[in-house]
N, C-alpha and C. Protein backbone atom coordinates (compact mmCIF):
# COMPACT_ATOMS: atom_id res chain seq x y z
N GLN A 1 1.65 42.24 -48.15
CA GLN A 1 3.17 41.95 -49.06
C GLN A 1 3.15 42.70 -49.85
N ARG A 2 2.59 43.49 -50.01
CA ARG A 2 2.46 45.03 -51.57
C ARG A 2 3.91 45.57 -51.64
N GLY A 3 4.68 44.53 -51.42
CA GLY A 3 5.60 45.61 -51.77
C GLY A 3 6.04 47.00 -50.07
N LEU A 4 4.85 46.84 -49.36
CA LEU A 4 5.65 48.39 -48.81
C LEU A 4 6.38 47.28 -47.69
N GLU A 5 7.28 48.40 -47.20
CA GLU A 5 8.41 48.24 -46.01
C GLU A 5 8.97 48.99 -44.09
N PRO A 6 8.55 47.97 -43.59
CA PRO A 6 8.40 48.90 -43.00
C PRO A 6 9.23 50.19 -42.55
N ASP A 7 9.36 51.08 -41.94
CA ASP A 7 10.21 52.37 -42.10
C ASP A 7 10.83 52.05 -40.64
N ILE A 8 11.68 53.24 -39.80
CA ILE A 8 12.20 54.34 -39.06
C ILE A 8 10.80 54.67 -37.20
N ILE A 9 9.37 55.14 -37.96
CA ILE A 9 8.17 54.86 -37.32
C ILE A 9 7.12 54.17 -37.10
N THR A 10 7.75 53.48 -37.97
CA THR A 10 6.58 51.26 -37.12
C THR A 10 7.59 50.40 -36.80
N TYR A 11 8.32 50.82 -36.89
CA TYR A 11 10.04 50.41 -35.66
C TYR A 11 10.17 50.66 -34.60
N SER A 12 9.77 52.07 -34.42
CA SER A 12 9.66 53.01 -33.37
C SER A 12 8.81 52.36 -32.63
N ALA A 13 7.29 52.10 -33.20
CA ALA A 13 6.19 52.29 -32.59
C ALA A 13 5.89 50.83 -32.24
N LEU A 14 6.37 49.56 -32.87
CA LEU A 14 6.96 48.17 -32.21
C LEU A 14 7.73 47.77 -31.02
N ILE A 15 8.81 48.99 -31.18
CA ILE A 15 9.49 48.57 -30.35
C ILE A 15 9.11 49.04 -28.92
N SER A 16 8.39 50.53 -29.33
CA SER A 16 7.75 51.04 -27.46
C SER A 16 7.19 50.10 -27.36
N ALA A 17 5.76 49.40 -28.50
CA ALA A 17 4.59 49.02 -27.27
C ALA A 17 5.11 47.64 -27.53
N CYS A 18 6.44 46.94 -27.63
CA CYS A 18 7.24 45.74 -26.76
C CYS A 18 7.99 45.86 -25.82
N GLU A 19 8.25 46.89 -25.91
CA GLU A 19 8.96 47.40 -24.57
C GLU A 19 7.56 47.52 -23.16
N THR A 20 7.57 48.46 -23.46
CA THR A 20 5.70 48.19 -22.93
C THR A 20 5.25 47.08 -21.67
N SER A 21 5.32 46.04 -23.64
CA SER A 21 5.27 44.87 -22.25
C SER A 21 5.94 44.32 -21.89
N GLY A 22 6.55 44.28 -22.12
CA GLY A 22 8.35 43.53 -21.15
C GLY A 22 8.51 42.76 -21.69
N ARG A 23 8.92 42.48 -23.36
CA ARG A 23 8.85 41.99 -24.50
C ARG A 23 10.72 41.96 -24.83
N LEU A 24 11.56 41.99 -23.91
CA LEU A 24 12.96 42.54 -24.17
C LEU A 24 13.63 42.00 -25.74
N SER A 25 12.76 41.16 -25.44
CA SER A 25 13.51 39.54 -26.46
C SER A 25 12.70 40.65 -27.78
N GLU A 26 12.11 40.46 -27.39
CA GLU A 26 11.54 41.05 -29.49
C GLU A 26 11.84 41.98 -29.50
N VAL A 27 11.64 43.00 -28.51
CA VAL A 27 13.00 44.32 -28.62
C VAL A 27 14.06 44.80 -29.48
N ARG A 28 14.84 43.72 -29.11
CA ARG A 28 16.23 43.52 -29.14
C ARG A 28 16.16 42.77 -30.66
N ALA A 29 15.38 42.03 -30.69
CA ALA A 29 16.01 41.68 -32.11
C ALA A 29 14.70 42.54 -33.22
N LEU A 30 13.65 43.43 -33.07
CA LEU A 30 13.65 44.26 -33.60
C LEU A 30 14.49 46.04 -34.19
N LEU A 31 15.69 45.97 -33.22
CA LEU A 31 16.36 46.20 -33.36
C LEU A 31 16.93 46.35 -34.04
N PHE A 32 17.69 45.31 -34.19
CA PHE A 32 18.71 45.15 -34.90
C PHE A 32 18.10 44.74 -36.67
N GLU A 33 17.07 44.03 -36.52
CA GLU A 33 16.08 43.97 -38.02
C GLU A 33 16.12 45.84 -38.74
N ALA A 34 15.39 46.77 -37.77
CA ALA A 34 15.73 48.18 -37.87
C ALA A 34 17.02 48.64 -38.23
N TYR A 35 17.90 48.24 -37.14
CA TYR A 35 19.66 48.68 -37.89
C TYR A 35 19.64 48.42 -38.54
N SER A 36 20.17 46.67 -39.37
CA SER A 36 20.84 46.04 -40.83
C SER A 36 19.97 46.54 -41.96
N ARG A 37 18.40 47.18 -41.98
CA ARG A 37 17.90 47.75 -42.56
C ARG A 37 18.39 49.07 -43.33
N GLY A 38 18.97 49.96 -42.40
CA GLY A 38 19.34 50.89 -42.72
C GLY A 38 18.91 51.78 -41.86
N CYS A 39 17.39 52.03 -40.71
CA CYS A 39 16.62 52.38 -39.89
C CYS A 39 17.41 52.53 -38.66
N PHE A 40 17.47 53.98 -38.15
CA PHE A 40 18.33 53.82 -36.70
C PHE A 40 20.24 54.63 -37.20
N SER A 41 19.89 54.24 -38.84
CA SER A 41 21.42 55.38 -39.27
C SER A 41 22.01 56.17 -38.41
N ASN A 42 21.14 56.83 -37.37
CA ASN A 42 21.96 57.69 -36.90
C ASN A 42 22.58 56.98 -35.08
N LEU A 43 22.10 56.13 -34.95
CA LEU A 43 22.52 55.18 -33.71
C LEU A 43 23.73 54.17 -34.24
N ARG A 44 25.26 54.59 -33.53
CA ARG A 44 26.66 55.47 -34.61
C ARG A 44 27.41 55.37 -33.01
N SER A 45 28.76 54.99 -33.85
CA SER A 45 29.50 54.76 -32.61
C SER A 45 30.49 56.20 -33.28
N VAL A 46 30.28 57.10 -32.26
CA VAL A 46 31.60 58.49 -33.02
C VAL A 46 32.32 58.53 -31.59
N ARG A 47 33.61 57.54 -32.12
CA ARG A 47 35.31 58.09 -31.90
C ARG A 47 35.30 56.81 -30.40
N GLY A 48 33.98 55.34 -29.84
CA GLY A 48 33.81 54.99 -29.26
C GLY A 48 32.82 55.29 -28.57
N ALA A 49 31.92 56.03 -28.36
CA ALA A 49 30.64 56.78 -27.51
C ALA A 49 29.67 56.34 -29.00
N LEU A 50 28.69 55.95 -27.68
CA LEU A 50 27.24 55.18 -28.27
C LEU A 50 26.75 56.75 -28.41
N ASP A 51 26.18 57.06 -30.54
CA ASP A 51 25.20 57.89 -30.09
C ASP A 51 23.97 58.31 -30.04
N LEU A 52 22.67 59.16 -29.13
CA LEU A 52 21.49 58.43 -29.61
C LEU A 52 20.59 59.63 -29.78
N HIS A 53 21.23 60.22 -30.49
CA HIS A 53 20.22 61.85 -30.80
C HIS A 53 19.88 61.36 -31.43
N GLU A 54 18.05 61.53 -31.91
CA GLU A 54 16.83 61.91 -32.51
C GLU A 54 15.77 59.90 -32.01
N LEU A 55 16.87 59.49 -31.42
CA LEU A 55 16.15 58.55 -30.72
C LEU A 55 15.09 58.40 -30.34
N SER A 56 13.95 58.22 -30.60
CA SER A 56 13.26 57.84 -29.32
C SER A 56 13.79 57.45 -28.15
N VAL A 57 13.00 57.42 -26.87
CA VAL A 57 13.56 56.32 -25.84
C VAL A 57 13.45 55.06 -25.69
N PRO A 58 12.29 54.77 -26.45
CA PRO A 58 12.21 53.06 -25.76
C PRO A 58 13.89 52.67 -27.00
N VAL A 59 13.08 53.08 -28.00
CA VAL A 59 14.90 52.12 -29.16
C VAL A 59 15.91 52.99 -28.10
N ALA A 60 16.40 53.77 -27.62
CA ALA A 60 17.96 54.17 -27.59
C ALA A 60 17.99 53.45 -25.78
N ARG A 61 16.80 52.93 -24.90
CA ARG A 61 16.81 51.86 -23.73
C ARG A 61 18.00 51.31 -23.91
N MET A 62 17.42 50.58 -25.68
CA MET A 62 17.08 49.24 -26.03
C MET A 62 19.34 48.98 -26.59
N ALA A 63 18.73 50.13 -27.12
CA ALA A 63 20.77 50.57 -27.90
C ALA A 63 22.00 50.38 -26.33
N VAL A 64 21.06 50.99 -25.99
CA VAL A 64 21.96 51.00 -24.28
C VAL A 64 21.98 49.97 -23.41
N ARG A 65 21.13 49.17 -23.84
CA ARG A 65 21.05 48.07 -23.20
C ARG A 65 22.43 46.27 -24.58
N SER A 66 22.38 46.74 -25.27
CA SER A 66 22.91 46.29 -26.28
C SER A 66 24.20 46.37 -26.61
N ALA A 67 24.56 47.95 -26.66
CA ALA A 67 25.79 48.20 -26.03
C ALA A 67 26.08 47.60 -24.83
N LEU A 68 25.64 47.49 -23.79
CA LEU A 68 26.46 47.55 -22.78
C LEU A 68 26.39 45.38 -22.32
N ASP A 69 25.73 45.05 -22.93
CA ASP A 69 25.39 43.61 -23.19
C ASP A 69 26.57 43.37 -24.61
N GLU A 70 27.58 43.65 -25.24
CA GLU A 70 27.76 43.67 -26.29
C GLU A 70 29.40 44.26 -25.72
N ARG A 71 29.44 45.23 -24.72
CA ARG A 71 30.87 45.49 -24.33
C ARG A 71 31.17 44.56 -22.70
N LEU A 72 30.54 43.45 -22.27
CA LEU A 72 30.56 42.85 -21.09
C LEU A 72 30.75 41.45 -21.97
N GLY A 73 30.44 41.50 -23.40
CA GLY A 73 31.15 39.96 -24.02
C GLY A 73 29.72 38.99 -23.72
N ARG A 74 28.81 39.68 -23.79
CA ARG A 74 27.60 39.40 -23.61
C ARG A 74 26.97 38.68 -25.07
N LYS A 75 26.64 38.00 -25.65
CA LYS A 75 26.51 36.99 -26.85
C LYS A 75 24.57 37.48 -27.22
N SER A 76 24.86 38.21 -28.82
CA SER A 76 23.15 38.48 -28.68
C SER A 76 22.84 37.18 -29.78
N GLU A 77 21.64 36.46 -29.99
CA GLU A 77 20.99 34.92 -31.02
C GLU A 77 20.65 36.98 -31.73
N GLU A 78 20.52 37.21 -31.81
CA GLU A 78 19.54 38.78 -32.86
C GLU A 78 21.11 39.51 -33.72
N GLY A 79 21.95 39.87 -33.08
CA GLY A 79 23.30 40.07 -33.64
C GLY A 79 22.92 41.41 -32.58
N GLN A 80 24.76 41.65 -33.77
CA GLN A 80 25.23 43.47 -33.28
C GLN A 80 25.98 44.44 -34.02
N PHE A 81 25.77 45.85 -32.73
CA PHE A 81 26.18 46.43 -34.15
C PHE A 81 27.04 46.52 -34.49
N ARG A 82 27.03 47.38 -35.63
CA ARG A 82 28.90 47.22 -36.63
C ARG A 82 29.57 48.60 -35.95
N GLY A 83 30.84 48.44 -34.90
CA GLY A 83 31.00 49.76 -34.33
C GLY A 83 31.22 49.54 -33.18
N SER A 84 32.82 49.80 -32.26
CA SER A 84 32.95 49.67 -31.03
C SER A 84 32.89 50.42 -29.92
N TRP A 85 31.80 50.07 -29.07
CA TRP A 85 30.45 50.81 -27.84
C TRP A 85 31.66 51.33 -26.75
N SER A 86 32.85 50.89 -27.03
CA SER A 86 33.94 51.69 -25.58
C SER A 86 35.40 52.72 -26.16
N THR A 87 35.69 52.94 -25.07
CA THR A 87 37.09 53.26 -25.35
C THR A 87 37.86 52.96 -25.27
N SER A 88 38.83 52.98 -25.38
CA SER A 88 40.70 52.29 -25.06
C SER A 88 40.61 52.18 -23.18
N LYS A 89 39.97 52.67 -23.30
CA LYS A 89 40.64 52.22 -21.90
C LYS A 89 38.79 51.43 -21.36
N GLY A 90 37.81 50.91 -22.66
CA GLY A 90 37.05 50.21 -22.08
C GLY A 90 36.39 50.91 -21.13
N ASP A 91 35.47 51.83 -21.05
CA ASP A 91 34.71 53.47 -21.02
C ASP A 91 33.53 52.62 -21.96
N VAL A 92 32.14 52.82 -21.42
CA VAL A 92 31.66 53.34 -22.35
C VAL A 92 30.75 54.57 -22.52
N VAL A 93 31.01 55.43 -23.24
CA VAL A 93 30.54 56.84 -23.68
C VAL A 93 29.26 56.99 -24.12
N ILE A 94 27.95 57.57 -23.47
CA ILE A 94 26.60 57.38 -23.79
C ILE A 94 26.64 59.39 -24.74
N ILE A 95 26.05 59.37 -26.22
CA ILE A 95 25.38 61.29 -25.64
C ILE A 95 24.32 60.73 -25.86
N THR A 96 23.79 61.79 -24.74
CA THR A 96 22.10 61.68 -25.32
C THR A 96 21.78 62.55 -25.79
N GLY A 97 22.33 64.37 -25.67
CA GLY A 97 21.75 65.39 -26.47
C GLY A 97 21.26 65.87 -25.56
N ARG A 98 20.71 67.27 -26.52
CA ARG A 98 20.61 68.56 -24.20
C ARG A 98 19.22 68.33 -24.22
N GLY A 99 18.12 68.15 -25.25
CA GLY A 99 16.66 68.27 -26.34
C GLY A 99 16.77 68.86 -27.03
N LYS A 100 17.35 69.74 -27.83
CA LYS A 100 17.28 70.71 -28.42
C LYS A 100 15.54 70.43 -29.36
N HIS A 101 16.05 69.06 -29.78
CA HIS A 101 15.19 68.17 -30.92
C HIS A 101 13.48 67.96 -30.49
N SER A 102 13.49 68.05 -28.41
CA SER A 102 12.18 67.66 -28.05
C SER A 102 11.17 68.93 -28.14
N GLU A 103 9.97 68.52 -27.85
CA GLU A 103 9.21 68.91 -28.77
C GLU A 103 8.85 70.28 -27.73
N ASP A 104 9.60 69.78 -26.65
CA ASP A 104 9.30 71.68 -25.65
C ASP A 104 10.92 72.07 -25.28
N GLY A 105 11.82 71.01 -25.93
CA GLY A 105 13.47 71.97 -26.00
C GLY A 105 13.50 71.39 -24.26
N ASP A 106 13.18 70.10 -24.00
CA ASP A 106 13.64 70.02 -22.45
C ASP A 106 14.21 68.56 -22.59
N ALA A 107 15.03 67.55 -22.52
CA ALA A 107 15.99 67.52 -22.74
C ALA A 107 15.06 65.61 -21.36
N VAL A 108 15.20 64.59 -23.13
CA VAL A 108 14.28 63.84 -22.63
C VAL A 108 14.84 62.85 -22.42
N LEU A 109 15.77 62.46 -22.90
CA LEU A 109 16.68 60.72 -23.01
C LEU A 109 17.97 60.50 -21.84
N ARG A 110 17.99 62.40 -21.79
CA ARG A 110 19.21 62.03 -19.82
C ARG A 110 18.12 61.07 -19.30
N PRO A 111 17.16 62.44 -18.87
CA PRO A 111 16.73 61.57 -17.39
C PRO A 111 16.28 59.82 -17.79
N ALA A 112 16.16 59.47 -19.46
CA ALA A 112 15.34 58.03 -19.23
C ALA A 112 16.37 57.26 -19.12
N ILE A 113 17.86 57.83 -20.00
CA ILE A 113 18.67 57.02 -19.46
C ILE A 113 19.31 56.97 -18.39
N ARG A 114 19.79 58.05 -17.89
CA ARG A 114 19.80 57.90 -16.48
C ARG A 114 19.11 56.94 -14.73
N ALA A 115 18.59 56.59 -15.04
CA ALA A 115 17.14 55.87 -14.81
C ALA A 115 17.68 54.31 -15.03
N LEU A 116 17.42 54.91 -16.63
CA LEU A 116 17.65 53.26 -16.78
C LEU A 116 18.85 52.30 -16.68
N LEU A 117 20.63 53.52 -16.20
CA LEU A 117 21.51 52.89 -15.46
C LEU A 117 21.34 53.13 -14.73
N LYS A 118 21.02 53.67 -13.15
CA LYS A 118 20.70 53.32 -11.87
C LYS A 118 19.81 51.84 -11.72
N GLY A 119 19.04 51.85 -12.40
CA GLY A 119 18.22 50.85 -11.92
C GLY A 119 18.72 48.89 -12.67
N GLU A 120 20.16 49.73 -13.93
CA GLU A 120 19.53 47.68 -14.21
C GLU A 120 21.51 47.62 -13.86
């Protein structure tokens, strides 16, 4: 309480820990809190697409879950993102990037999001 505010690193670590322990409602609450405080400002709708560039895998997975819930009309107590995550045809487009910013240059988000979508 000395004027310290959580930042993107703090929220990413908390989201990762909660996701690992299966506490998805807490992950969702943390994601919306961080988003409302201006963290994850790169999480945005670009022409109806969900842009996940530069997000960690746990944050990206929760963003996709939340966007799909919104698209399917599922209400969330935690809140909603600003922006539309679906195209005029109702499709949800997810941009993961190629992995250029990954440590070894390999895509990390694409396989993780693909696995999430196949499993849910």
